[in-house]
């Protein structure tokens, strides 16, 4: 199992919408993540800063990288673009976080 952590940012006035969209995650998106070796995926929101902390446990780094190229993921990025910081390709601005401790 490989552990991934990264930080993103939602717009301050979009916290509720961000949470709503994830509570209603498209079934085909959920299925695609599982098919690409995602074992566990959690996102946490710091409401004071609007930063999102994401943590995923994956089976395979190459499968994880392929997620970005799927049609369903491209649609998800487009759907999420109005409510969070994104890059020109509509992907979320994301900063990978190195693991520094584990108990």
N, C-alpha and C. Protein backbone atom coordinates (compact mmCIF):
# COMPACT_ATOMS: atom_id res chain seq x y z
N UNK A 1 0.84 -1.17 0.00
CA UNK A 1 0.00 0.00 0.00
C UNK A 1 0.89 1.24 0.00
N UNK A 2 0.50 2.21 -0.81
CA UNK A 2 1.22 3.48 -0.92
C UNK A 2 0.32 4.57 -0.34
N UNK A 3 0.91 5.45 0.46
CA UNK A 3 0.15 6.55 1.07
C UNK A 3 0.45 7.84 0.33
N UNK A 4 -0.60 8.60 0.02
CA UNK A 4 -0.48 9.88 -0.67
C UNK A 4 -1.19 10.94 0.16
N UNK A 5 -0.58 12.11 0.29
CA UNK A 5 -1.22 13.23 0.96
C UNK A 5 -0.96 14.48 0.14
N UNK A 6 -1.96 15.32 0.03
CA UNK A 6 -1.79 16.55 -0.72
C UNK A 6 -2.77 17.60 -0.23
N UNK A 7 -2.45 18.85 -0.59
CA UNK A 7 -3.23 20.00 -0.16
C UNK A 7 -3.81 20.70 -1.38
N UNK A 8 -5.07 21.11 -1.26
CA UNK A 8 -5.75 21.88 -2.30
C UNK A 8 -6.46 23.03 -1.59
N UNK A 9 -7.19 23.85 -2.34
CA UNK A 9 -7.89 24.96 -1.72
C UNK A 9 -9.25 25.18 -2.38
N UNK A 10 -10.27 25.27 -1.55
CA UNK A 10 -11.62 25.58 -2.00
C UNK A 10 -11.86 27.07 -1.76
N UNK A 11 -12.68 27.70 -2.58
CA UNK A 11 -12.97 29.11 -2.35
C UNK A 11 -13.74 29.27 -1.04
N UNK A 12 -13.43 30.32 -0.28
CA UNK A 12 -14.03 30.49 1.06
C UNK A 12 -15.56 30.45 1.09
N UNK A 13 -16.21 30.93 0.06
CA UNK A 13 -17.67 30.94 0.05
C UNK A 13 -18.27 29.65 -0.54
N UNK A 14 -17.43 28.64 -0.78
CA UNK A 14 -17.89 27.41 -1.44
C UNK A 14 -17.73 26.16 -0.57
N UNK A 15 -17.48 26.33 0.72
CA UNK A 15 -17.29 25.18 1.60
C UNK A 15 -18.48 24.22 1.55
N UNK A 16 -19.67 24.75 1.71
CA UNK A 16 -20.87 23.90 1.75
C UNK A 16 -21.08 23.20 0.40
N UNK A 17 -20.86 23.90 -0.67
CA UNK A 17 -21.03 23.31 -2.00
C UNK A 17 -20.00 22.21 -2.24
N UNK A 18 -18.76 22.43 -1.82
CA UNK A 18 -17.72 21.42 -1.97
C UNK A 18 -18.12 20.15 -1.23
N UNK A 19 -18.56 20.31 0.00
CA UNK A 19 -18.98 19.15 0.79
C UNK A 19 -20.18 18.46 0.15
N UNK A 20 -21.14 19.22 -0.32
CA UNK A 20 -22.34 18.66 -0.97
C UNK A 20 -21.95 17.81 -2.18
N UNK A 21 -21.09 18.36 -3.02
CA UNK A 21 -20.70 17.63 -4.23
C UNK A 21 -19.98 16.32 -3.91
N UNK A 22 -19.25 16.29 -2.83
CA UNK A 22 -18.56 15.05 -2.46
C UNK A 22 -19.50 14.06 -1.77
N UNK A 23 -20.49 14.56 -1.07
CA UNK A 23 -21.50 13.65 -0.49
C UNK A 23 -22.31 12.99 -1.59
N UNK A 24 -22.41 13.67 -2.73
CA UNK A 24 -23.17 13.16 -3.87
C UNK A 24 -22.23 12.68 -4.98
N UNK A 25 -21.05 12.20 -4.60
CA UNK A 25 -20.05 11.77 -5.58
C UNK A 25 -20.68 10.82 -6.59
N UNK A 26 -20.44 11.10 -7.84
CA UNK A 26 -20.99 10.29 -8.92
C UNK A 26 -20.57 8.82 -8.75
N UNK A 27 -21.50 7.89 -8.87
CA UNK A 27 -21.15 6.46 -8.75
C UNK A 27 -20.05 6.04 -9.72
N UNK A 28 -20.06 6.58 -10.94
CA UNK A 28 -19.04 6.20 -11.91
C UNK A 28 -17.66 6.75 -11.53
N UNK A 29 -17.63 7.85 -10.79
CA UNK A 29 -16.37 8.39 -10.28
C UNK A 29 -15.83 7.47 -9.17
N UNK A 30 -16.70 7.09 -8.28
CA UNK A 30 -16.34 6.17 -7.20
C UNK A 30 -15.79 4.86 -7.79
N UNK A 31 -16.47 4.34 -8.80
CA UNK A 31 -16.06 3.08 -9.43
C UNK A 31 -14.70 3.22 -10.11
N UNK A 32 -14.50 4.33 -10.82
CA UNK A 32 -13.23 4.56 -11.50
C UNK A 32 -12.08 4.60 -10.50
N UNK A 33 -12.28 5.27 -9.37
CA UNK A 33 -11.23 5.33 -8.36
C UNK A 33 -10.86 3.92 -7.87
N UNK A 34 -11.86 3.11 -7.61
CA UNK A 34 -11.61 1.74 -7.16
C UNK A 34 -10.88 0.94 -8.24
N UNK A 35 -11.29 1.12 -9.49
CA UNK A 35 -10.65 0.40 -10.60
C UNK A 35 -9.20 0.83 -10.79
N UNK A 36 -8.86 2.00 -10.31
CA UNK A 36 -7.49 2.50 -10.42
C UNK A 36 -6.70 2.31 -9.12
N UNK A 37 -7.15 1.38 -8.30
CA UNK A 37 -6.37 0.97 -7.14
C UNK A 37 -6.46 1.85 -5.92
N UNK A 38 -7.48 2.70 -5.85
CA UNK A 38 -7.63 3.54 -4.65
C UNK A 38 -8.32 2.70 -3.58
N UNK A 39 -7.63 2.49 -2.49
CA UNK A 39 -8.14 1.68 -1.38
C UNK A 39 -8.98 2.55 -0.44
N UNK A 40 -8.46 3.73 -0.16
CA UNK A 40 -9.11 4.66 0.76
C UNK A 40 -8.78 6.08 0.30
N UNK A 41 -9.75 6.99 0.43
CA UNK A 41 -9.53 8.37 0.01
C UNK A 41 -10.36 9.26 0.93
N UNK A 42 -9.71 10.15 1.65
CA UNK A 42 -10.39 11.07 2.56
C UNK A 42 -9.94 12.49 2.27
N UNK A 43 -10.86 13.44 2.43
CA UNK A 43 -10.53 14.86 2.28
C UNK A 43 -11.06 15.58 3.51
N UNK A 44 -10.22 16.44 4.07
CA UNK A 44 -10.56 17.21 5.26
C UNK A 44 -10.49 18.70 4.92
N UNK A 45 -11.36 19.50 5.52
CA UNK A 45 -11.41 20.94 5.26
C UNK A 45 -11.03 21.73 6.50
N UNK A 46 -10.09 22.64 6.35
CA UNK A 46 -9.77 23.61 7.39
C UNK A 46 -10.58 24.86 7.06
N UNK A 47 -11.68 25.08 7.75
CA UNK A 47 -12.58 26.18 7.42
C UNK A 47 -11.96 27.55 7.64
N UNK A 48 -10.97 27.64 8.50
CA UNK A 48 -10.32 28.93 8.74
C UNK A 48 -9.46 29.38 7.55
N UNK A 49 -8.85 28.44 6.86
CA UNK A 49 -7.95 28.77 5.74
C UNK A 49 -8.50 28.37 4.38
N UNK A 50 -9.54 27.57 4.36
CA UNK A 50 -10.12 27.00 3.13
C UNK A 50 -9.22 25.97 2.47
N UNK A 51 -8.19 25.53 3.19
CA UNK A 51 -7.33 24.48 2.65
C UNK A 51 -8.00 23.12 2.83
N UNK A 52 -7.80 22.28 1.84
CA UNK A 52 -8.26 20.90 1.87
C UNK A 52 -7.03 20.01 2.05
N UNK A 53 -7.13 19.05 2.94
CA UNK A 53 -6.07 18.07 3.12
C UNK A 53 -6.63 16.74 2.63
N UNK A 54 -5.99 16.17 1.63
CA UNK A 54 -6.45 14.90 1.07
C UNK A 54 -5.45 13.80 1.41
N UNK A 55 -5.99 12.64 1.74
CA UNK A 55 -5.17 11.48 2.08
C UNK A 55 -5.74 10.28 1.34
N UNK A 56 -4.87 9.61 0.60
CA UNK A 56 -5.30 8.43 -0.15
C UNK A 56 -4.33 7.28 0.11
N UNK A 57 -4.90 6.09 0.12
CA UNK A 57 -4.10 4.87 0.15
C UNK A 57 -4.36 4.17 -1.17
N UNK A 58 -3.27 3.90 -1.88
CA UNK A 58 -3.40 3.34 -3.23
C UNK A 58 -2.58 2.06 -3.36
N UNK A 59 -2.94 1.28 -4.37
CA UNK A 59 -2.23 0.03 -4.63
C UNK A 59 -1.01 0.21 -5.51
N UNK A 60 -1.10 1.18 -6.45
CA UNK A 60 -0.09 1.24 -7.49
C UNK A 60 0.05 2.69 -7.98
N UNK A 61 1.27 3.18 -8.02
CA UNK A 61 1.54 4.57 -8.43
C UNK A 61 1.15 4.82 -9.88
N UNK A 62 1.41 3.87 -10.76
CA UNK A 62 1.08 4.06 -12.18
C UNK A 62 -0.43 4.14 -12.40
N UNK A 63 -1.19 3.27 -11.73
CA UNK A 63 -2.66 3.35 -11.83
C UNK A 63 -3.17 4.69 -11.32
N UNK A 64 -2.59 5.16 -10.22
CA UNK A 64 -2.96 6.45 -9.64
C UNK A 64 -2.76 7.58 -10.65
N UNK A 65 -1.62 7.57 -11.33
CA UNK A 65 -1.32 8.61 -12.33
C UNK A 65 -2.28 8.57 -13.51
N UNK A 66 -2.81 7.40 -13.85
CA UNK A 66 -3.72 7.26 -14.98
C UNK A 66 -5.09 7.88 -14.72
N UNK A 67 -5.43 8.10 -13.46
CA UNK A 67 -6.74 8.68 -13.11
C UNK A 67 -6.95 9.99 -13.83
N UNK A 68 -5.92 10.82 -13.90
CA UNK A 68 -6.07 12.15 -14.50
C UNK A 68 -6.49 12.10 -15.97
N UNK A 69 -6.21 11.00 -16.64
CA UNK A 69 -6.51 10.88 -18.06
C UNK A 69 -7.89 10.31 -18.36
N UNK A 70 -8.61 9.88 -17.33
CA UNK A 70 -9.92 9.28 -17.59
C UNK A 70 -10.95 10.35 -17.92
N UNK A 71 -11.92 9.97 -18.73
CA UNK A 71 -12.99 10.89 -19.13
C UNK A 71 -13.80 11.35 -17.93
N UNK A 72 -14.09 10.46 -17.01
CA UNK A 72 -14.90 10.81 -15.84
C UNK A 72 -14.15 11.80 -14.96
N UNK A 73 -12.84 11.64 -14.81
CA UNK A 73 -12.06 12.57 -14.01
C UNK A 73 -12.02 13.95 -14.66
N UNK A 74 -11.89 13.99 -15.99
CA UNK A 74 -11.90 15.26 -16.71
C UNK A 74 -13.23 15.98 -16.49
N UNK A 75 -14.33 15.25 -16.52
CA UNK A 75 -15.65 15.84 -16.24
C UNK A 75 -15.74 16.35 -14.81
N UNK A 76 -15.17 15.59 -13.86
CA UNK A 76 -15.19 16.00 -12.45
C UNK A 76 -14.42 17.31 -12.26
N UNK A 77 -13.25 17.41 -12.89
CA UNK A 77 -12.47 18.64 -12.78
C UNK A 77 -13.27 19.83 -13.31
N UNK A 78 -13.94 19.65 -14.43
CA UNK A 78 -14.75 20.72 -15.00
C UNK A 78 -15.89 21.10 -14.04
N UNK A 79 -16.49 20.11 -13.43
CA UNK A 79 -17.58 20.32 -12.47
C UNK A 79 -17.10 21.08 -11.24
N UNK A 80 -15.88 20.81 -10.80
CA UNK A 80 -15.35 21.40 -9.58
C UNK A 80 -14.65 22.75 -9.81
N UNK A 81 -14.29 23.05 -11.01
CA UNK A 81 -13.53 24.27 -11.32
C UNK A 81 -14.14 25.56 -10.74
N UNK A 82 -15.46 25.75 -10.78
CA UNK A 82 -16.01 27.01 -10.28
C UNK A 82 -15.88 27.20 -8.76
N UNK A 83 -15.55 26.15 -8.02
CA UNK A 83 -15.58 26.28 -6.56
C UNK A 83 -14.22 26.11 -5.88
N UNK A 84 -13.16 25.92 -6.67
CA UNK A 84 -11.85 25.73 -6.05
C UNK A 84 -10.74 26.25 -6.94
N UNK A 85 -9.56 26.42 -6.37
CA UNK A 85 -8.41 26.86 -7.15
C UNK A 85 -8.02 25.77 -8.14
N UNK A 86 -7.87 26.16 -9.41
CA UNK A 86 -7.54 25.18 -10.45
C UNK A 86 -6.43 25.70 -11.36
N UNK A 87 -5.84 24.77 -12.07
CA UNK A 87 -4.83 25.06 -13.08
C UNK A 87 -5.54 25.32 -14.42
N UNK A 88 -4.79 25.78 -15.44
CA UNK A 88 -5.41 26.02 -16.75
C UNK A 88 -6.12 24.80 -17.36
N UNK A 89 -5.66 23.59 -17.02
CA UNK A 89 -6.32 22.37 -17.54
C UNK A 89 -7.51 21.94 -16.68
N UNK A 90 -7.90 22.79 -15.72
CA UNK A 90 -9.03 22.59 -14.81
C UNK A 90 -8.73 21.62 -13.67
N UNK A 91 -7.53 21.08 -13.62
CA UNK A 91 -7.15 20.23 -12.48
C UNK A 91 -7.01 21.10 -11.25
N UNK A 92 -7.29 20.55 -10.07
CA UNK A 92 -7.10 21.35 -8.87
C UNK A 92 -5.63 21.70 -8.65
N UNK A 93 -5.38 22.90 -8.18
CA UNK A 93 -4.02 23.24 -7.75
C UNK A 93 -3.76 22.35 -6.55
N UNK A 94 -2.73 21.53 -6.66
CA UNK A 94 -2.48 20.52 -5.65
C UNK A 94 -1.00 20.49 -5.30
N UNK A 95 -0.72 20.40 -4.01
CA UNK A 95 0.65 20.33 -3.52
C UNK A 95 0.82 19.03 -2.74
N UNK A 96 1.67 18.15 -3.28
CA UNK A 96 1.91 16.88 -2.58
C UNK A 96 2.64 17.15 -1.28
N UNK A 97 2.25 16.43 -0.25
CA UNK A 97 2.85 16.59 1.09
C UNK A 97 3.66 15.35 1.43
N UNK A 98 4.93 15.53 1.76
CA UNK A 98 5.75 14.37 2.12
C UNK A 98 5.42 13.89 3.54
N UNK A 99 5.46 12.60 3.71
CA UNK A 99 5.24 12.04 5.03
C UNK A 99 6.50 12.27 5.88
N UNK A 100 6.29 12.77 7.09
CA UNK A 100 7.42 13.04 7.97
C UNK A 100 7.37 12.24 9.27
N UNK A 101 6.23 11.57 9.52
CA UNK A 101 6.11 10.78 10.74
C UNK A 101 4.98 9.77 10.58
N UNK A 102 5.15 8.62 11.23
CA UNK A 102 4.10 7.62 11.30
C UNK A 102 4.29 6.84 12.59
N UNK A 103 3.20 6.57 13.28
CA UNK A 103 3.24 5.79 14.52
C UNK A 103 2.68 4.41 14.22
